[in-house]
PDB file of N, CA and C in Angstrom:
ATOM      1  N   MET A   1      44.048  60.458  48.704  1.00  0.00           N
ATOM      2  CA  MET A   1      44.336  61.859  48.574  1.00  0.00           C
ATOM      3  C   MET A   1      43.128  62.648  48.886  1.00  0.00           C
ATOM      4  N   THR A   2      43.518  63.911  49.301  1.00  0.00           N
ATOM      5  CA  THR A   2      42.457  64.837  49.873  1.00  0.00           C
ATOM      6  C   THR A   2      41.878  65.663  48.490  1.00  0.00           C
ATOM      7  N   ALA A   3      40.642  66.235  48.814  1.00  0.00           N
ATOM      8  CA  ALA A   3      39.893  66.856  47.861  1.00  0.00           C
ATOM      9  C   ALA A   3      40.897  68.052  47.311  1.00  0.00           C
ATOM     10  N   ARG A   4      41.795  68.483  48.211  1.00  0.00           N
ATOM     11  CA  ARG A   4      42.682  69.691  47.397  1.00  0.00           C
ATOM     12  C   ARG A   4      43.590  69.264  46.635  1.00  0.00           C
ATOM     13  N   ALA A   5      44.152  67.881  46.885  1.00  0.00           N
ATOM     14  CA  ALA A   5      45.360  67.300  46.024  1.00  0.00           C
ATOM     15  C   ALA A   5      44.477  67.030  44.844  1.00  0.00           C
ATOM     16  N   LEU A   6      43.302  66.428  44.771  1.00  0.00           N
ATOM     17  CA  LEU A   6      42.795  65.949  43.392  1.00  0.00           C
ATOM     18  C   LEU A   6      42.442  67.295  42.820  1.00  0.00           C
ATOM     19  N   ALA A   7      41.956  68.489  43.454  1.00  0.00           N
ATOM     20  CA  ALA A   7      41.652  69.565  42.762  1.00  0.00           C
ATOM     21  C   ALA A   7      42.968  70.358  41.971  1.00  0.00           C
ATOM     22  N   ARG A   8      43.981  70.206  42.788  1.00  0.00           N
ATOM     23  CA  ARG A   8      45.438  70.578  42.406  1.00  0.00           C
ATOM     24  C   ARG A   8      45.659  69.734  40.815  1.00  0.00           C
ATOM     25  N   ARG A   9      45.484  68.591  41.019  1.00  0.00           N
ATOM     26  CA  ARG A   9      45.677  67.625  39.890  1.00  0.00           C
ATOM     27  C   ARG A   9      44.823  67.607  38.727  1.00  0.00           C
ATOM     28  N   ASN A  10      43.575  68.065  38.906  1.00  0.00           N
ATOM     29  CA  ASN A  10      42.768  68.420  37.829  1.00  0.00           C
ATOM     30  C   ASN A  10      43.031  69.715  37.217  1.00  0.00           C
ATOM     31  N   ILE A  11      43.530  70.740  37.841  1.00  0.00           N
ATOM     32  CA  ILE A  11      43.647  71.966  37.450  1.00  0.00           C
ATOM     33  C   ILE A  11      45.093  71.805  36.685  1.00  0.00           C
ATOM     34  N   ALA A  12      46.051  71.433  36.909  1.00  0.00           N
ATOM     35  CA  ALA A  12      47.238  70.953  36.227  1.00  0.00           C
ATOM     36  C   ALA A  12      47.209  70.294  35.042  1.00  0.00           C
ATOM     37  N   ALA A  13      46.219  69.202  35.077  1.00  0.00           N
ATOM     38  CA  ALA A  13      45.807  68.615  33.709  1.00  0.00           C
ATOM     39  C   ALA A  13      45.265  69.491  32.782  1.00  0.00           C
ATOM     40  N   PHE A  14      44.190  70.113  33.113  1.00  0.00           N
ATOM     41  CA  PHE A  14      43.553  71.055  32.174  1.00  0.00           C
ATOM     42  C   PHE A  14      44.451  72.104  31.698  1.00  0.00           C
ATOM     43  N   GLU A  15      45.196  72.545  32.359  1.00  0.00           N
ATOM     44  CA  GLU A  15      46.305  73.701  32.034  1.00  0.00           C
ATOM     45  C   GLU A  15      47.154  73.062  31.028  1.00  0.00           C
ATOM     46  N   ALA A  16      47.706  71.874  31.374  1.00  0.00           N
ATOM     47  CA  ALA A  16      48.605  71.126  30.414  1.00  0.00           C
ATOM     48  C   ALA A  16      47.857  71.074  28.993  1.00  0.00           C
ATOM     49  N   ALA A  17      46.854  70.506  29.190  1.00  0.00           N
ATOM     50  CA  ALA A  17      45.850  70.276  27.761  1.00  0.00           C
ATOM     51  C   ALA A  17      45.656  71.617  27.068  1.00  0.00           C
ATOM     52  N   GLY A  18      45.564  72.870  27.622  1.00  0.00           N
ATOM     53  CA  GLY A  18      45.431  74.301  26.902  1.00  0.00           C
ATOM     54  C   GLY A  18      44.188  74.395  26.524  1.00  0.00           C
ATOM     55  N   VAL A  19      43.109  73.878  27.157  1.00  0.00           N
ATOM     56  CA  VAL A  19      41.873  74.144  26.964  1.00  0.00           C
ATOM     57  C   VAL A  19      41.106  75.474  27.467  1.00  0.00           C
ATOM     58  N   ASP A  20      40.087  76.031  26.604  1.00  0.00           N
ATOM     59  CA  ASP A  20      39.726  77.254  26.873  1.00  0.00           C
ATOM     60  C   ASP A  20      38.605  77.032  27.894  1.00  0.00           C
ATOM     61  N   ALA A  21      37.735  76.079  27.826  1.00  0.00           N
ATOM     62  CA  ALA A  21      36.616  75.907  28.816  1.00  0.00           C
ATOM     63  C   ALA A  21      36.704  74.405  29.154  1.00  0.00           C
ATOM     64  N   VAL A  22      36.216  73.975  30.404  1.00  0.00           N
ATOM     65  CA  VAL A  22      35.982  72.699  30.594  1.00  0.00           C
ATOM     66  C   VAL A  22      34.397  72.450  30.794  1.00  0.00           C
ATOM     67  N   ILE A  23      33.881  71.752  29.679  1.00  0.00           N
ATOM     68  CA  ILE A  23      32.368  71.547  29.701  1.00  0.00           C
ATOM     69  C   ILE A  23      32.124  70.082  30.083  1.00  0.00           C
ATOM     70  N   VAL A  24      31.262  69.943  31.184  1.00  0.00           N
ATOM     71  CA  VAL A  24      30.651  68.917  31.920  1.00  0.00           C
ATOM     72  C   VAL A  24      29.396  68.571  31.810  1.00  0.00           C
ATOM     73  N   ASN A  25      28.930  67.229  31.772  1.00  0.00           N
ATOM     74  CA  ASN A  25      27.639  66.832  31.701  1.00  0.00           C
ATOM     75  C   ASN A  25      26.980  66.334  32.862  1.00  0.00           C
ATOM     76  N   ALA A  26      27.883  66.230  34.018  1.00  0.00           N
ATOM     77  CA  ALA A  26      27.420  65.767  35.322  1.00  0.00           C
ATOM     78  C   ALA A  26      27.596  66.726  36.305  1.00  0.00           C
ATOM     79  N   ALA A  27      26.300  67.173  36.701  1.00  0.00           N
ATOM     80  CA  ALA A  27      26.086  68.441  37.554  1.00  0.00           C
ATOM     81  C   ALA A  27      26.878  68.234  38.656  1.00  0.00           C
ATOM     82  N   GLY A  28      27.150  67.183  39.408  1.00  0.00           N
ATOM     83  CA  GLY A  28      27.708  67.132  40.495  1.00  0.00           C
ATOM     84  C   GLY A  28      29.320  67.513  40.511  1.00  0.00           C
ATOM     85  N   CYS A  29      29.773  66.780  39.236  1.00  0.00           N
ATOM     86  CA  CYS A  29      31.233  67.055  39.022  1.00  0.00           C
ATOM     87  C   CYS A  29      31.568  68.725  38.661  1.00  0.00           C
ATOM     88  N   GLY A  30      30.598  69.034  37.909  1.00  0.00           N
ATOM     89  CA  GLY A  30      30.546  70.433  37.319  1.00  0.00           C
ATOM     90  C   GLY A  30      30.532  71.566  38.831  1.00  0.00           C
ATOM     91  N   ALA A  31      29.664  71.061  39.511  1.00  0.00           N
ATOM     92  CA  ALA A  31      29.374  72.098  40.921  1.00  0.00           C
ATOM     93  C   ALA A  31      30.739  71.844  41.948  1.00  0.00           C
ATOM     94  N   ALA A  32      31.354  70.752  41.705  1.00  0.00           N
ATOM     95  CA  ALA A  32      32.707  70.696  42.605  1.00  0.00           C
ATOM     96  C   ALA A  32      33.650  71.326  42.005  1.00  0.00           C
ATOM     97  N   MET A  33      33.854  71.417  40.586  1.00  0.00           N
ATOM     98  CA  MET A  33      34.861  72.030  40.120  1.00  0.00           C
ATOM     99  C   MET A  33      35.025  73.539  39.874  1.00  0.00           C
ATOM    100  N   LYS A  34      33.528  73.994  39.913  1.00  0.00           N
ATOM    101  CA  LYS A  34      33.324  75.435  39.966  1.00  0.00           C
ATOM    102  C   LYS A  34      33.591  75.973  41.431  1.00  0.00           C
ATOM    103  N   GLU A  35      33.862  75.071  42.355  1.00  0.00           N
ATOM    104  CA  GLU A  35      34.036  75.346  43.844  1.00  0.00           C
ATOM    105  C   GLU A  35      35.715  75.404  44.026  1.00  0.00           C
ATOM    106  N   TYR A  36      36.453  74.938  43.033  1.00  0.00           N
ATOM    107  CA  TYR A  36      37.782  74.816  43.525  1.00  0.00           C
ATOM    108  C   TYR A  36      38.503  76.215  43.856  1.00  0.00           C
ATOM    109  N   GLY A  37      38.073  77.313  43.265  1.00  0.00           N
ATOM    110  CA  GLY A  37      38.704  78.581  43.900  1.00  0.00           C
ATOM    111  C   GLY A  37      38.414  78.743  45.411  1.00  0.00           C
ATOM    112  N   ARG A  38      37.221  78.386  45.635  1.00  0.00           N
ATOM    113  CA  ARG A  38      36.927  78.486  47.337  1.00  0.00           C
ATOM    114  C   ARG A  38      37.738  77.504  47.895  1.00  0.00           C
ATOM    115  N   LEU A  39      37.783  76.290  47.237  1.00  0.00           N
ATOM    116  CA  LEU A  39      38.491  75.079  48.052  1.00  0.00           C
ATOM    117  C   LEU A  39      40.085  75.410  48.243  1.00  0.00           C
ATOM    118  N   LEU A  40      40.544  76.082  47.365  1.00  0.00           N
ATOM    119  CA  LEU A  40      42.131  76.598  47.344  1.00  0.00           C
ATOM    120  C   LEU A  40      42.152  78.050  47.617  1.00  0.00           C
ATOM    121  N   ARG A  41      41.283  78.525  48.392  1.00  0.00           N
ATOM    122  CA  ARG A  41      41.585  80.064  48.396  1.00  0.00           C
ATOM    123  C   ARG A  41      42.640  80.534  49.233  1.00  0.00           C
ATOM    124  N   ASN A  42      43.059  79.579  50.120  1.00  0.00           N
ATOM    125  CA  ASN A  42      44.074  79.788  51.261  1.00  0.00           C
ATOM    126  C   ASN A  42      45.352  79.158  50.924  1.00  0.00           C
ATOM    127  N   ASP A  43      45.529  78.759  49.663  1.00  0.00           N
ATOM    128  CA  ASP A  43      46.826  78.332  49.030  1.00  0.00           C
ATOM    129  C   ASP A  43      47.377  79.287  48.402  1.00  0.00           C
ATOM    130  N   ALA A  44      48.591  79.923  48.596  1.00  0.00           N
ATOM    131  CA  ALA A  44      49.213  80.856  48.035  1.00  0.00           C
ATOM    132  C   ALA A  44      49.595  80.347  46.493  1.00  0.00           C
ATOM    133  N   LEU A  45      49.926  79.281  46.465  1.00  0.00           N
ATOM    134  CA  LEU A  45      50.487  78.891  45.105  1.00  0.00           C
ATOM    135  C   LEU A  45      49.493  78.411  44.199  1.00  0.00           C
ATOM    136  N   TRP A  46      48.228  78.142  44.539  1.00  0.00           N
ATOM    137  CA  TRP A  46      46.999  77.713  43.763  1.00  0.00           C
ATOM    138  C   TRP A  46      45.861  78.572  43.663  1.00  0.00           C
ATOM    139  N   SER A  47      45.684  79.310  44.617  1.00  0.00           N
ATOM    140  CA  SER A  47      44.574  80.069  44.605  1.00  0.00           C
ATOM    141  C   SER A  47      44.099  80.855  43.444  1.00  0.00           C
ATOM    142  N   ALA A  48      44.943  81.650  42.832  1.00  0.00           N
ATOM    143  CA  ALA A  48      44.709  82.204  41.399  1.00  0.00           C
ATOM    144  C   ALA A  48      44.358  81.290  40.228  1.00  0.00           C
ATOM    145  N   ARG A  49      45.281  80.136  40.288  1.00  0.00           N
ATOM    146  CA  ARG A  49      44.963  79.152  39.262  1.00  0.00           C
ATOM    147  C   ARG A  49      43.587  78.585  39.537  1.00  0.00           C
ATOM    148  N   ALA A  50      43.309  78.205  40.757  1.00  0.00           N
ATOM    149  CA  ALA A  50      41.935  77.575  40.884  1.00  0.00           C
ATOM    150  C   ALA A  50      40.756  78.694  40.581  1.00  0.00           C
ATOM    151  N   GLU A  51      40.814  79.882  41.000  1.00  0.00           N
ATOM    152  CA  GLU A  51      39.943  80.727  40.371  1.00  0.00           C
ATOM    153  C   GLU A  51      39.727  80.778  38.901  1.00  0.00           C
ATOM    154  N   HIS A  52      40.705  80.850  38.216  1.00  0.00           N
ATOM    155  CA  HIS A  52      40.769  80.825  36.892  1.00  0.00           C
ATOM    156  C   HIS A  52      40.219  79.773  36.234  1.00  0.00           C
ATOM    157  N   PHE A  53      40.501  78.533  36.810  1.00  0.00           N
ATOM    158  CA  PHE A  53      40.110  77.329  36.321  1.00  0.00           C
ATOM    159  C   PHE A  53      38.463  77.172  36.635  1.00  0.00           C
ATOM    160  N   ALA A  54      38.158  77.434  37.856  1.00  0.00           N
ATOM    161  CA  ALA A  54      36.631  77.645  38.461  1.00  0.00           C
ATOM    162  C   ALA A  54      35.690  78.399  37.140  1.00  0.00           C
ATOM    163  N   ALA A  55      36.480  79.618  36.879  1.00  0.00           N
ATOM    164  CA  ALA A  55      35.567  80.335  36.054  1.00  0.00           C
ATOM    165  C   ALA A  55      35.376  79.787  34.641  1.00  0.00           C
ATOM    166  N   SER A  56      36.265  78.734  34.235  1.00  0.00           N
ATOM    167  CA  SER A  56      36.236  78.123  32.913  1.00  0.00           C
ATOM    168  C   SER A  56      35.141  77.035  32.951  1.00  0.00           C
ATOM    169  N   VAL A  57      34.839  76.352  34.055  1.00  0.00           N
ATOM    170  CA  VAL A  57      33.954  75.566  34.095  1.00  0.00           C
ATOM    171  C   VAL A  57      32.331  75.796  33.758  1.00  0.00           C
ATOM    172  N   ARG A  58      31.922  74.742  32.761  1.00  0.00           N
ATOM    173  CA  ARG A  58      30.436  75.190  32.255  1.00  0.00           C
ATOM    174  C   ARG A  58      29.868  74.029  32.225  1.00  0.00           C
ATOM    175  N   ASP A  59      28.397  73.840  32.754  1.00  0.00           N
ATOM    176  CA  ASP A  59      27.438  72.594  32.213  1.00  0.00           C
ATOM    177  C   ASP A  59      27.272  72.779  30.882  1.00  0.00           C
ATOM    178  N   VAL A  60      27.234  71.600  30.342  1.00  0.00           N
ATOM    179  CA  VAL A  60      26.905  71.346  28.756  1.00  0.00           C
ATOM    180  C   VAL A  60      25.728  72.314  28.500  1.00  0.00           C
ATOM    181  N   LEU A  61      24.688  72.311  29.095  1.00  0.00           N
ATOM    182  CA  LEU A  61      23.556  73.284  28.964  1.00  0.00           C
ATOM    183  C   LEU A  61      23.830  74.668  28.969  1.00  0.00           C
ATOM    184  N   GLU A  62      24.574  75.133  30.019  1.00  0.00           N
ATOM    185  CA  GLU A  62      25.010  76.497  30.156  1.00  0.00           C
ATOM    186  C   GLU A  62      26.044  76.800  28.793  1.00  0.00           C
ATOM    187  N   PHE A  63      26.790  76.020  28.490  1.00  0.00           N
ATOM    188  CA  PHE A  63      27.545  76.155  27.241  1.00  0.00           C
ATOM    189  C   PHE A  63      26.837  76.428  26.114  1.00  0.00           C
ATOM    190  N   VAL A  64      25.788  75.410  25.609  1.00  0.00           N
ATOM    191  CA  VAL A  64      25.061  75.314  24.540  1.00  0.00           C
ATOM    192  C   VAL A  64      23.937  76.735  24.646  1.00  0.00           C
ATOM    193  N   ALA A  65      23.617  77.108  25.388  1.00  0.00           N
ATOM    194  CA  ALA A  65      22.788  78.317  25.624  1.00  0.00           C
ATOM    195  C   ALA A  65      23.617  79.423  25.403  1.00  0.00           C
ATOM    196  N   GLY A  66      24.758  79.468  25.683  1.00  0.00           N
ATOM    197  CA  GLY A  66      25.639  80.746  25.375  1.00  0.00           C
ATOM    198  C   GLY A  66      26.074  80.677  23.966  1.00  0.00           C
TER     199      GLY A  66
END
């Protein structure tokens, strides 16, 4: 699977779960998920969903500090 296909799958899974935020404790994973908007920016069906998802991703310390 490509990175784009995995990003779509993750976005759909978190949307189905109905979460308000995605809190991550692995910096690399969080950084990658925060880039989903850029990764899918040219995909007309997924770009807006990817941007919304990326905006909901928070590092655990970022979340606690907020």
